[in-house]
Amino acid sequence: MTCSCFVKSLMTVFAACGSLLSANAQEADGRNFGIDGFAAVNGTPGTPHYLEGGTTGGAGGKVVYANTFQQLQAYLQAKDPYVVIVDKDMDTGIKCWVDDLSTGHLCNNQDGSEGVETTYGERVMIASNKTLVGVVNPETGRAPLFSHITFVMQCASNVIIRNCRFTMEGAPILKSGENKIVAFRDGVQKEVGDPDCISIQADENSAKTDWGGHIWVDHCEFFNGDAADKDRYDGLLDCKNNVQWMTFSYNHFHHHDKACLFGKGDSDVFDGCRTISMHHNWFDNIAGSRLPLQRGGHLHYFNNYMVGSEDGWDVRSKAVGYIQACYFKDSKAPVRSDREGSLNIDKTEGYGVTYENCRQLMEGYANIDGTKADKSLTVNYTDWTPEKTDGGYFVNTLDKTADVPGTVQKYAGAGKIEIWTAYADAVPAEDIDEYAAAIKDNPTEPTYDANGDKITGISADVAQVEAGGAVAMQYYSLGGVRLDAPAAGICIKKSVDGKGRLSAMKVMVK
């Protein structure tokens, strides 16, 4: 539970900092950080992707505070809309031991007698109509970090994720088979999917008929760090199948190998697939590729900054792109369209493409620092612009290319500006009643407790409003550890009545 002093300290810190926020927290330094690009449009009338008002996430639903990973999982997987606010780092909390963090192979003995300690992973199957927003810690300046948790949107629509950090660094995998995230469920180790930080897809029943979309990922950070080999981790932010109307803005992708895959293969290419805007993203030290690798679909790529990376935006296999005002530095091949894709390049003075010390350049370009390029890449031209796909398309800010490095490094990533105040006047208190309701709200997947056991429902003792006037209850073990749900046996129940009076008693739970 977040106390009022924490909320007050947040407001004090941000009132004093250089980036003064407007009342709705969508502006800082006079810059509009509200939604734009493809996620902001309604979509095509008469199609499943049409959404009046564009992407709104959990707007209209209850604003809730997730105090534990279990609460986070329950709220994001529930059918009802929610705006979920998180102010702390999260992992599953279930310890395990691996041979080394760079390889992640689970040890045979899981008693701590060998290996390096880490935590099991998990999967969150985000349902439609959700907003997840992180609160910046005023002491560290950091937004919440989610470790070893893959956030999957399977046929989901209308989702917003803002101001969060994601990593798979040190995630456990089995010694044999593919690199899959391993969770601990109902007493056994279970593979729960690829080690993607965020995966957006639509193939629950059939990739030919399923769909999803209207998704905005904004002001987030994605990284993984050193790995024994390039396949240790999967994507940072991947999209596949028929997913539409998405914007990925002001994100920081760094220290990874294969970052963003849009289209899982040449078969994942069809008319109308994947309409995406990517802007003001910072690609930093991506040792491999996929910034992104685009197969099919339409992508508006503007004001992105790439530095110290290898293969960048690869416009492939019937993919169509439009690039404006991007700055590429110290990278191998920042952008190419010579492998079955097509590209429109804005050559307006001040808003073109700039290369600095890069090795493979599009034809007709040179490095501004005079470095000689190794190769000239043929451009397959198109005249496509986003307005041809949707007449209501708009962007909030198109910066000049020369300003991109400074602007992007200042604002891209989590913790750069405070965002949660756009969704709530104060961080809400923990709500056990609402958590209990979310557990049973036709979830996309079960929620698992801190021991890895499936939660089928919160005990009536936890969720009830007692006749005696108790308005909030919490359960603790005899050792003083807070419980998400009372375990069988003796535990301590704390109750607060309507007048704020606290009582505590030992109770027997059968």
Protein backbone atom coordinates (compact mmCIF):
# COMPACT_ATOMS: atom_id res chain seq x y z
CA MET A 1 0.00 0.00 0.00
CA THR A 2 1.31 3.46 -0.87
CA CYS A 3 1.02 5.99 1.92
CA SER A 4 0.15 9.64 1.44
CA CYS A 5 3.68 10.73 2.32
CA PHE A 6 5.02 8.79 -0.69
CA VAL A 7 2.52 10.46 -3.02
CA LYS A 8 3.40 13.83 -1.50
CA SER A 9 7.12 13.20 -1.98
CA LEU A 10 6.51 12.32 -5.62
CA MET A 11 4.73 15.59 -6.22
CA THR A 12 7.47 17.52 -4.42
CA VAL A 13 10.23 15.95 -6.48
CA PHE A 14 8.57 16.59 -9.81
CA ALA A 15 7.47 20.09 -8.95
CA ALA A 16 11.12 20.90 -8.36
CA CYS A 17 12.63 19.20 -11.40
CA GLY A 18 13.31 20.79 -14.77
CA SER A 19 10.59 18.93 -16.66
CA LEU A 20 7.47 20.61 -15.31
CA LEU A 21 4.35 18.65 -16.15
CA SER A 22 0.95 19.91 -17.08
CA ALA A 23 -2.08 18.85 -15.06
CA ASN A 24 -2.71 15.85 -17.27
CA ALA A 25 0.97 14.82 -17.39
CA GLN A 26 0.96 14.62 -21.18
CA GLU A 27 3.31 17.57 -21.61
CA ALA A 28 6.81 18.35 -20.39
CA ASP A 29 8.98 21.28 -21.43
CA GLY A 30 6.20 22.29 -23.80
CA ARG A 31 6.38 18.96 -25.63
CA ASN A 32 3.21 16.93 -26.17
CA PHE A 33 3.71 13.33 -25.04
CA GLY A 34 0.14 12.24 -25.73
CA ILE A 35 -0.76 9.41 -28.07
CA ASP A 36 -0.23 9.87 -31.82
CA GLY A 37 0.59 7.82 -34.90
CA PHE A 38 -1.35 4.74 -35.89
CA ALA A 39 -2.42 3.91 -32.31
CA ALA A 40 -4.33 7.19 -32.18
CA VAL A 41 -6.56 6.59 -35.22
CA ASN A 42 -9.89 4.79 -35.20
CA GLY A 43 -9.01 2.32 -37.91
CA THR A 44 -11.02 1.20 -40.90
CA PRO A 45 -14.82 1.30 -40.42
CA GLY A 46 -16.52 -2.03 -40.87
CA THR A 47 -13.46 -4.06 -39.81
CA PRO A 48 -12.79 -5.76 -36.44
CA HIS A 49 -9.91 -3.33 -35.95
CA TYR A 50 -12.14 -0.25 -35.85
CA LEU A 51 -12.14 1.47 -32.44
CA GLU A 52 -13.90 4.78 -32.00
CA GLY A 53 -11.54 7.23 -30.33
CA GLY A 54 -8.43 5.18 -31.05
CA THR A 55 -6.41 3.47 -28.33
CA THR A 56 -7.64 4.32 -24.83
CA GLY A 57 -6.47 1.28 -22.82
CA GLY A 58 -8.28 0.80 -19.54
CA ALA A 59 -10.05 4.17 -19.67
CA GLY A 60 -13.47 3.91 -18.07
CA GLY A 61 -12.36 1.05 -15.85
CA LYS A 62 -11.20 1.19 -12.25
CA VAL A 63 -7.76 2.59 -11.43
CA VAL A 64 -6.01 -0.01 -9.25
CA TYR A 65 -2.67 -0.41 -7.51
CA ALA A 66 -0.77 -3.67 -7.95
CA ASN A 67 1.23 -4.28 -4.80
CA THR A 68 2.36 -7.79 -5.78
CA PHE A 69 3.12 -9.65 -8.98
CA GLN A 70 0.03 -11.78 -8.36
CA GLN A 71 -2.16 -8.68 -8.30
CA LEU A 72 -0.51 -7.39 -11.47
CA GLN A 73 -1.19 -10.69 -13.21
CA ALA A 74 -4.80 -10.83 -12.04
CA TYR A 75 -5.67 -7.28 -13.11
CA LEU A 76 -4.02 -7.45 -16.52
CA GLN A 77 -5.59 -10.83 -17.33
CA ALA A 78 -9.13 -9.96 -16.20
CA LYS A 79 -11.95 -9.30 -18.64
CA ASP A 80 -12.96 -5.92 -17.22
CA PRO A 81 -11.00 -2.75 -18.12
CA TYR A 82 -8.36 -1.61 -15.63
CA VAL A 83 -5.76 1.09 -15.30
CA VAL A 84 -3.02 -0.67 -13.33
CA ILE A 85 -0.45 1.43 -11.47
CA VAL A 86 2.83 -0.07 -10.25
CA ASP A 87 5.50 1.68 -8.18
CA LYS A 88 8.02 -1.09 -7.48
CA ASP A 89 10.24 -3.61 -9.25
CA MET A 90 8.62 -7.00 -9.75
CA ASP A 91 9.53 -10.59 -10.45
CA THR A 92 7.86 -13.83 -9.42
CA GLY A 93 9.78 -13.95 -6.14
CA ILE A 94 10.18 -17.72 -6.53
CA LYS A 95 13.86 -18.54 -6.19
CA CYS A 96 15.74 -20.96 -8.41
CA TRP A 97 19.36 -21.75 -9.19
CA VAL A 98 21.07 -21.78 -12.59
CA ASP A 99 24.56 -22.69 -13.74
CA ASP A 100 25.33 -19.11 -14.75
CA LEU A 101 23.22 -16.03 -15.48
CA SER A 102 24.68 -15.77 -18.99
CA THR A 103 23.40 -19.26 -19.88
CA GLY A 104 20.51 -19.69 -17.45
CA HIS A 105 20.42 -23.49 -17.38
CA LEU A 106 18.54 -24.72 -14.33
CA CYS A 107 20.61 -26.81 -11.92
CA ASN A 108 19.57 -30.36 -11.08
CA ASN A 109 19.49 -29.50 -7.39
CA GLN A 110 17.17 -26.64 -6.52
CA ASP A 111 18.07 -26.41 -2.85
CA GLY A 112 20.73 -23.72 -3.20
CA SER A 113 23.62 -26.16 -2.90
CA GLU A 114 24.87 -25.33 -6.39
CA GLY A 115 24.65 -22.63 -9.01
CA VAL A 116 23.70 -18.96 -8.98
CA GLU A 117 20.45 -17.69 -7.48
CA THR A 118 17.83 -16.07 -9.70
CA THR A 119 14.02 -16.23 -9.96
CA TYR A 120 11.66 -18.30 -12.06
CA GLY A 121 9.93 -16.54 -14.92
CA GLU A 122 6.25 -16.16 -15.74
CA ARG A 123 3.85 -15.07 -18.44
CA VAL A 124 1.16 -12.40 -18.27
CA MET A 125 -1.53 -12.79 -20.93
CA ILE A 126 -2.79 -9.22 -21.17
CA ALA A 127 -6.50 -8.98 -21.95
CA SER A 128 -8.12 -6.18 -23.95
CA ASN A 129 -8.82 -2.73 -22.50
CA LYS A 130 -5.87 -2.41 -20.14
CA THR A 131 -3.43 0.31 -19.18
CA LEU A 132 -0.20 -0.47 -17.31
CA VAL A 133 1.72 2.55 -16.07
CA GLY A 134 4.77 2.76 -13.84
CA VAL A 135 5.48 5.34 -11.15
CA VAL A 136 8.97 6.83 -10.96
CA ASN A 137 10.68 6.25 -7.61
CA PRO A 138 11.61 9.75 -6.39
CA GLU A 139 14.70 8.45 -4.58
CA THR A 140 16.24 6.54 -7.51
CA GLY A 141 14.61 8.25 -10.48
CA ARG A 142 13.81 4.83 -11.88
CA ALA A 143 10.56 3.35 -13.11
CA PRO A 144 9.47 -0.20 -12.15
CA LEU A 145 11.53 -3.06 -13.57
CA PHE A 146 9.81 -6.31 -14.57
CA SER A 147 12.29 -9.20 -14.58
CA HIS A 148 11.79 -12.58 -16.27
CA ILE A 149 8.16 -11.80 -17.09
CA THR A 150 6.91 -11.98 -20.66
CA PHE A 151 3.93 -9.77 -21.40
CA VAL A 152 1.88 -11.35 -24.18
CA MET A 153 -1.01 -9.76 -26.07
CA GLN A 154 -2.76 -12.64 -27.86
CA CYS A 155 -5.67 -11.33 -29.96
CA ALA A 156 -5.86 -8.39 -27.54
CA SER A 157 -7.16 -4.96 -28.44
CA ASN A 158 -6.84 -1.54 -26.81
CA VAL A 159 -3.76 -1.84 -24.58
CA ILE A 160 -1.43 0.88 -23.28
CA ILE A 161 1.93 0.26 -21.55
CA ARG A 162 3.90 3.29 -20.35
CA ASN A 163 6.87 4.14 -18.17
CA CYS A 164 8.03 0.60 -17.38
CA ARG A 165 11.31 -1.31 -17.70
CA PHE A 166 11.63 -4.88 -18.95
CA THR A 167 14.43 -7.45 -18.90
CA MET A 168 14.95 -11.18 -19.28
CA GLU A 169 18.51 -10.97 -17.99
CA GLY A 170 19.25 -14.10 -15.96
CA ALA A 171 15.93 -15.81 -16.79
CA PRO A 172 16.08 -19.60 -16.22
CA ILE A 173 15.78 -22.13 -19.04
CA LEU A 174 15.88 -25.91 -19.21
CA LYS A 175 19.14 -27.63 -20.12
CA SER A 176 17.61 -29.29 -23.17
CA GLY A 177 15.38 -27.98 -25.93
CA GLU A 178 14.81 -24.41 -27.08
CA ASN A 179 15.38 -21.34 -24.96
CA LYS A 180 11.98 -20.96 -23.29
CA ILE A 181 11.02 -19.10 -20.13
CA VAL A 182 10.60 -21.52 -17.24
CA ALA A 183 7.97 -20.84 -14.59
CA PHE A 184 7.25 -22.75 -11.39
CA ARG A 185 3.60 -23.80 -11.40
CA ASP A 186 1.81 -26.22 -9.11
CA GLY A 187 5.06 -27.74 -7.89
CA VAL A 188 6.76 -28.33 -11.25
CA GLN A 189 8.94 -26.44 -13.71
CA LYS A 190 6.97 -25.43 -16.79
CA GLU A 191 8.03 -23.74 -20.03
CA VAL A 192 5.67 -20.83 -20.71
CA GLY A 193 6.93 -19.31 -23.96
CA ASP A 194 9.68 -17.46 -25.74
CA PRO A 195 11.82 -15.05 -23.71
CA ASP A 196 10.28 -11.94 -25.30
CA CYS A 197 9.79 -8.92 -23.06
CA ILE A 198 6.64 -7.97 -24.99
CA SER A 199 4.99 -10.13 -27.64
CA ILE A 200 2.01 -8.94 -29.69
CA GLN A 201 0.32 -11.61 -31.79
CA ALA A 202 -2.96 -12.94 -33.15
CA ASP A 203 -2.85 -16.68 -33.75
CA GLU A 204 -4.80 -18.16 -30.85
CA ASN A 205 -7.04 -20.10 -33.23
CA SER A 206 -5.81 -19.24 -36.72
CA ALA A 207 -3.41 -16.59 -37.98
CA LYS A 208 -5.64 -16.31 -41.05
CA THR A 209 -8.70 -15.11 -39.13
CA ASP A 210 -7.53 -13.83 -35.72
CA TRP A 211 -6.69 -10.20 -35.13
CA GLY A 212 -5.58 -7.72 -32.49
CA GLY A 213 -4.39 -4.16 -32.25
CA HIS A 214 -4.75 -0.57 -31.05
CA ILE A 215 -1.67 -0.84 -28.83
CA TRP A 216 0.59 1.93 -27.52
CA VAL A 217 3.97 1.20 -25.88
CA ASP A 218 5.51 4.44 -24.71
CA HIS A 219 8.43 5.62 -22.58
CA CYS A 220 9.62 2.11 -21.75
CA GLU A 221 13.08 0.55 -21.46
CA PHE A 222 14.07 -2.86 -22.81
CA PHE A 223 17.40 -4.63 -22.23
CA ASN A 224 18.97 -8.00 -21.51
CA GLY A 225 22.73 -7.63 -21.16
CA ASP A 226 25.46 -10.17 -21.77
CA ALA A 227 24.53 -13.66 -22.93
CA ALA A 228 26.44 -16.84 -23.71
CA ASP A 229 25.07 -16.80 -27.28
CA LYS A 230 22.81 -14.68 -29.47
CA ASP A 231 19.84 -17.03 -28.99
CA ARG A 232 19.91 -16.82 -25.18
CA TYR A 233 17.11 -14.25 -25.29
CA ASP A 234 14.45 -13.56 -27.89
CA GLY A 235 12.87 -10.25 -28.87
CA LEU A 236 12.51 -7.11 -26.82
CA LEU A 237 9.29 -6.08 -28.59
CA ASP A 238 7.92 -8.45 -31.25
CA CYS A 239 4.78 -8.33 -33.41
CA LYS A 240 3.35 -11.01 -35.65
CA ASN A 241 0.14 -11.95 -37.46
CA ASN A 242 -2.74 -9.56 -38.12
CA VAL A 243 -2.17 -6.84 -35.53
CA GLN A 244 -3.00 -3.25 -36.46
CA TRP A 245 -2.90 0.39 -35.39
CA MET A 246 0.10 0.47 -33.05
CA THR A 247 2.54 3.14 -31.90
CA PHE A 248 5.89 2.52 -30.18
CA SER A 249 7.26 5.85 -28.96
CA TYR A 250 10.04 7.23 -26.76
CA ASN A 251 11.40 3.78 -25.87
CA HIS A 252 15.01 2.85 -25.10
CA PHE A 253 16.21 -0.47 -26.53
CA HIS A 254 19.74 -1.42 -25.51
CA HIS A 255 22.28 -4.19 -24.79
CA HIS A 256 20.64 -6.98 -26.71
CA ASP A 257 21.08 -8.97 -29.92
CA LYS A 258 17.79 -9.29 -31.86
CA ALA A 259 15.52 -6.46 -30.79
CA CYS A 260 12.22 -6.14 -32.70
CA LEU A 261 10.70 -8.63 -35.14
CA PHE A 262 7.62 -7.52 -37.10
CA GLY A 263 6.46 -10.64 -38.96
CA LYS A 264 7.68 -14.07 -37.88
CA GLY A 265 8.50 -15.27 -41.41
CA ASP A 266 7.80 -14.79 -45.10
CA SER A 267 4.48 -16.58 -44.64
CA ASP A 268 3.42 -13.89 -42.16
CA VAL A 269 2.88 -11.39 -44.96
CA PHE A 270 -0.56 -10.46 -46.28
CA ASP A 271 -2.59 -7.43 -47.34
CA GLY A 272 -3.22 -4.98 -44.53
CA CYS A 273 -1.01 -6.64 -41.91
CA ARG A 274 0.64 -4.55 -39.21
CA THR A 275 0.24 -0.77 -39.34
CA ILE A 276 2.87 0.66 -36.97
CA SER A 277 4.41 4.01 -36.03
CA MET A 278 7.86 4.10 -34.40
CA HIS A 279 9.17 7.44 -33.26
CA HIS A 280 11.65 8.99 -30.85
CA ASN A 281 13.08 5.58 -29.96
CA TRP A 282 16.69 5.13 -28.88
CA PHE A 283 18.46 2.03 -30.21
CA ASP A 284 21.70 1.72 -28.28
CA ASN A 285 24.30 -1.04 -28.50
CA ILE A 286 22.15 -3.61 -30.29
CA ALA A 287 24.84 -6.09 -31.26
CA GLY A 288 22.74 -8.03 -33.74
CA SER A 289 19.78 -6.81 -35.75
CA ARG A 290 16.03 -6.12 -35.96
CA LEU A 291 15.54 -2.42 -35.34
CA PRO A 292 13.12 -3.66 -36.55
CA LEU A 293 13.16 -6.49 -39.10
CA GLN A 294 9.92 -5.76 -40.97
CA ARG A 295 8.11 -8.35 -43.06
CA GLY A 296 4.96 -7.01 -44.68
CA GLY A 297 2.85 -4.22 -43.27
CA HIS A 298 3.33 -0.46 -43.22
CA LEU A 299 5.70 1.34 -40.86
CA HIS A 300 6.19 5.07 -40.26
CA TYR A 301 9.69 5.48 -38.83
CA PHE A 302 10.62 8.98 -37.68
CA ASN A 303 12.88 10.79 -35.21
CA ASN A 304 14.60 7.56 -34.15
CA TYR A 305 18.22 7.58 -32.96
CA MET A 306 20.45 4.55 -33.53
CA VAL A 307 23.98 4.34 -32.13
CA GLY A 308 26.56 1.58 -31.72
CA SER A 309 24.42 -1.05 -33.42
CA GLU A 310 24.75 -3.54 -36.26
CA ASP A 311 21.87 -4.24 -38.67
CA GLY A 312 19.02 -1.80 -38.15
CA TRP A 313 15.66 -1.34 -39.86
CA ASP A 314 15.46 -4.05 -42.53
CA VAL A 315 12.46 -3.39 -44.82
CA ARG A 316 11.91 -6.88 -46.23
CA SER A 317 9.36 -9.18 -47.91
CA LYS A 318 6.64 -6.85 -49.25
CA ALA A 319 7.12 -4.44 -46.36
CA VAL A 320 6.47 -0.73 -46.94
CA GLY A 321 8.06 2.08 -44.96
CA TYR A 322 8.29 5.86 -44.68
CA ILE A 323 11.34 7.38 -42.97
CA GLN A 324 11.68 10.93 -41.69
CA ALA A 325 14.35 12.77 -39.73
CA CYS A 326 16.33 9.84 -38.28
CA TYR A 327 19.93 9.99 -37.08
CA PHE A 328 22.26 6.98 -37.35
CA LYS A 329 25.69 6.87 -35.69
CA ASP A 330 28.50 4.30 -35.34
CA SER A 331 26.34 1.54 -36.83
CA LYS A 332 26.79 -1.04 -39.58
CA ALA A 333 23.63 -0.93 -41.75
CA PRO A 334 21.01 1.31 -40.10
CA VAL A 335 18.34 1.05 -42.80
CA ARG A 336 17.88 -0.93 -46.01
CA SER A 337 15.09 -1.83 -48.45
CA ASP A 338 17.02 -3.88 -51.02
CA ARG A 339 15.49 -7.24 -50.02
CA GLU A 340 11.93 -7.18 -51.40
CA GLY A 341 10.76 -4.18 -49.39
CA SER A 342 10.04 -0.60 -50.47
CA LEU A 343 10.81 2.72 -48.80
CA ASN A 344 9.75 6.35 -49.05
CA ILE A 345 12.40 8.79 -47.81
CA ASP A 346 11.56 12.32 -46.74
CA LYS A 347 14.23 14.53 -48.31
CA THR A 348 12.85 17.84 -47.05
CA GLU A 349 15.74 20.06 -45.96
CA GLY A 350 16.37 19.55 -42.26
CA TYR A 351 14.22 16.42 -42.03
CA GLY A 352 16.19 13.86 -44.00
CA VAL A 353 18.35 10.90 -42.94
CA THR A 354 21.73 11.60 -41.34
CA TYR A 355 24.60 9.12 -41.12
CA GLU A 356 27.67 9.54 -38.91
CA ASN A 357 30.46 6.96 -39.03
CA CYS A 358 28.23 4.23 -40.48
CA ARG A 359 29.44 1.48 -42.81
CA GLN A 360 26.55 0.61 -45.14
CA LEU A 361 24.53 3.56 -46.43
CA MET A 362 21.55 3.92 -48.73
CA GLU A 363 22.53 5.02 -52.23
CA GLY A 364 23.11 8.74 -52.56
CA TYR A 365 24.11 9.29 -48.92
CA ALA A 366 27.44 9.96 -47.19
CA ASN A 367 28.60 10.18 -43.58
CA ILE A 368 28.57 13.75 -42.27
CA ASP A 369 31.92 13.16 -40.54
CA GLY A 370 33.61 12.14 -43.80
CA THR A 371 33.99 8.46 -42.91
CA LYS A 372 34.04 6.38 -46.09
CA ALA A 373 31.24 3.82 -46.33
CA ASP A 374 31.92 0.15 -47.10
CA LYS A 375 28.81 -0.36 -49.20
CA SER A 376 26.02 1.51 -50.97
CA LEU A 377 22.58 -0.07 -50.61
CA THR A 378 20.00 0.09 -53.40
CA VAL A 379 16.69 1.67 -52.42
CA ASN A 380 13.39 0.30 -53.71
CA TYR A 381 11.24 3.41 -53.69
CA THR A 382 7.54 3.86 -52.90
CA ASP A 383 5.40 6.97 -52.51
CA TRP A 384 3.48 5.65 -49.49
CA THR A 385 2.77 7.94 -46.54
CA PRO A 386 0.65 7.13 -43.46
CA GLU A 387 -2.14 9.46 -44.58
CA LYS A 388 -2.77 7.14 -47.52
CA THR A 389 -3.66 4.39 -45.06
CA ASP A 390 -5.73 6.59 -42.74
CA GLY A 391 -6.75 10.18 -43.46
CA GLY A 392 -6.96 10.96 -39.74
CA TYR A 393 -3.30 10.12 -39.11
CA PHE A 394 -1.30 12.71 -37.15
CA VAL A 395 1.94 13.14 -35.21
CA ASN A 396 2.47 15.44 -32.25
CA THR A 397 6.04 16.51 -32.99
CA LEU A 398 8.39 16.05 -35.94
CA ASP A 399 11.83 17.22 -34.81
CA LYS A 400 14.59 18.25 -37.16
CA THR A 401 17.17 15.56 -37.77
CA ALA A 402 19.99 17.55 -36.16
CA ASP A 403 17.99 17.73 -32.91
CA VAL A 404 17.23 14.01 -32.75
CA PRO A 405 20.27 12.76 -30.76
CA GLY A 406 19.81 15.26 -27.95
CA THR A 407 16.03 15.09 -27.83
CA VAL A 408 15.82 11.31 -27.92
CA GLN A 409 18.51 10.78 -25.28
CA LYS A 410 16.75 13.30 -23.04
CA TYR A 411 13.25 11.85 -23.27
CA ALA A 412 13.38 8.23 -24.50
CA GLY A 413 13.08 5.48 -21.92
CA ALA A 414 11.34 4.94 -18.60
CA GLY A 415 11.66 7.39 -15.74
CA LYS A 416 12.37 10.41 -17.95
CA ILE A 417 9.02 12.06 -17.20
CA GLU A 418 6.24 11.26 -14.75
CA ILE A 419 3.19 9.79 -16.46
CA TRP A 420 0.91 8.15 -13.89
CA THR A 421 -0.68 11.49 -12.95
CA ALA A 422 -2.42 11.43 -16.32
CA TYR A 423 -4.48 8.53 -14.95
CA ALA A 424 -5.00 9.27 -11.25
CA ASP A 425 -4.77 12.15 -8.78
CA ALA A 426 -3.04 9.87 -6.27
CA VAL A 427 -1.65 6.35 -6.29
CA PRO A 428 -4.64 4.29 -5.11
CA ALA A 429 -4.54 2.04 -2.07
CA GLU A 430 -4.33 -1.71 -2.37
CA ASP A 431 -7.84 -3.12 -2.85
CA ILE A 432 -8.27 -6.75 -1.78
CA ASP A 433 -11.92 -6.78 -2.83
CA GLU A 434 -11.04 -5.71 -6.37
CA TYR A 435 -8.17 -8.20 -6.51
CA ALA A 436 -10.57 -10.97 -5.51
CA ALA A 437 -12.98 -9.90 -8.24
CA ALA A 438 -10.22 -9.82 -10.87
CA ILE A 439 -9.16 -13.38 -10.02
CA LYS A 440 -12.60 -14.62 -11.08
CA ASP A 441 -13.24 -12.15 -13.93
CA ASN A 442 -12.98 -14.60 -16.85
CA PRO A 443 -9.19 -14.25 -16.98
CA THR A 444 -7.11 -15.08 -20.04
CA GLU A 445 -4.99 -17.34 -17.81
CA PRO A 446 -4.89 -18.36 -14.12
CA THR A 447 -2.97 -16.36 -11.54
CA TYR A 448 -0.30 -18.16 -9.51
CA ASP A 449 0.62 -17.26 -5.94
CA ALA A 450 4.04 -16.60 -4.43
CA ASN A 451 4.58 -20.36 -4.09
CA GLY A 452 3.65 -21.08 -7.70
CA ASP A 453 0.24 -22.55 -6.84
CA LYS A 454 -2.83 -21.69 -8.88
CA ILE A 455 -5.19 -19.22 -7.20
CA THR A 456 -8.78 -20.25 -7.81
CA GLY A 457 -10.26 -17.51 -5.66
CA ILE A 458 -9.58 -15.33 -2.69
CA SER A 459 -11.14 -16.61 0.52
CA ALA A 460 -14.39 -14.94 1.52
CA ASP A 461 -12.59 -13.97 4.72
CA VAL A 462 -10.32 -11.72 2.67
CA ALA A 463 -12.86 -10.13 0.37
CA GLN A 464 -15.86 -9.78 2.65
CA VAL A 465 -17.09 -6.58 4.22
CA GLU A 466 -17.97 -7.80 7.67
CA ALA A 467 -21.22 -6.92 9.35
CA GLY A 468 -19.18 -5.42 12.17
CA GLY A 469 -18.02 -2.68 9.86
CA ALA A 470 -14.57 -3.83 8.70
CA VAL A 471 -13.68 -2.06 5.45
CA ALA A 472 -10.21 -3.50 4.87
CA MET A 473 -8.49 -6.70 5.91
CA GLN A 474 -4.99 -8.07 5.53
CA TYR A 475 -3.57 -11.47 6.37
CA TYR A 476 -0.10 -12.28 7.68
CA SER A 477 1.78 -15.44 8.54
CA LEU A 478 2.74 -15.96 12.18
CA GLY A 479 6.18 -14.76 11.13
CA GLY A 480 4.75 -11.44 9.96
CA VAL A 481 4.90 -12.03 6.19
CA ARG A 482 2.03 -10.42 4.24
CA LEU A 483 -0.12 -13.02 2.44
CA ASP A 484 -2.01 -12.53 -0.84
CA ALA A 485 -4.54 -15.06 0.46
CA PRO A 486 -4.78 -16.84 3.81
CA ALA A 487 -3.04 -20.19 3.79
CA ALA A 488 -4.53 -23.20 5.53
CA GLY A 489 -3.69 -23.18 9.23
CA ILE A 490 -3.26 -20.37 11.71
CA CYS A 491 -2.56 -16.85 10.49
CA ILE A 492 -3.06 -13.28 11.70
CA LYS A 493 -5.92 -11.15 10.40
CA LYS A 494 -5.73 -7.37 10.66
CA SER A 495 -8.95 -5.40 10.17
CA VAL A 496 -9.64 -1.69 9.88
CA ASP A 497 -13.18 -0.43 10.49
CA GLY A 498 -14.91 2.57 9.00
CA LYS A 499 -13.52 4.82 11.72
CA GLY A 500 -9.94 3.76 11.05
CA ARG A 501 -9.66 1.56 14.17
CA LEU A 502 -7.23 -1.33 13.82
CA SER A 503 -7.74 -4.78 15.30
CA ALA A 504 -5.76 -7.99 14.96
CA MET A 505 -6.51 -11.59 15.81
CA LYS A 506 -5.34 -15.10 15.16
CA VAL A 507 -7.67 -17.07 12.90
CA MET A 508 -7.83 -20.67 11.78
CA VAL A 509 -8.23 -21.15 8.02
CA LYS A 510 -9.43 -24.57 6.91
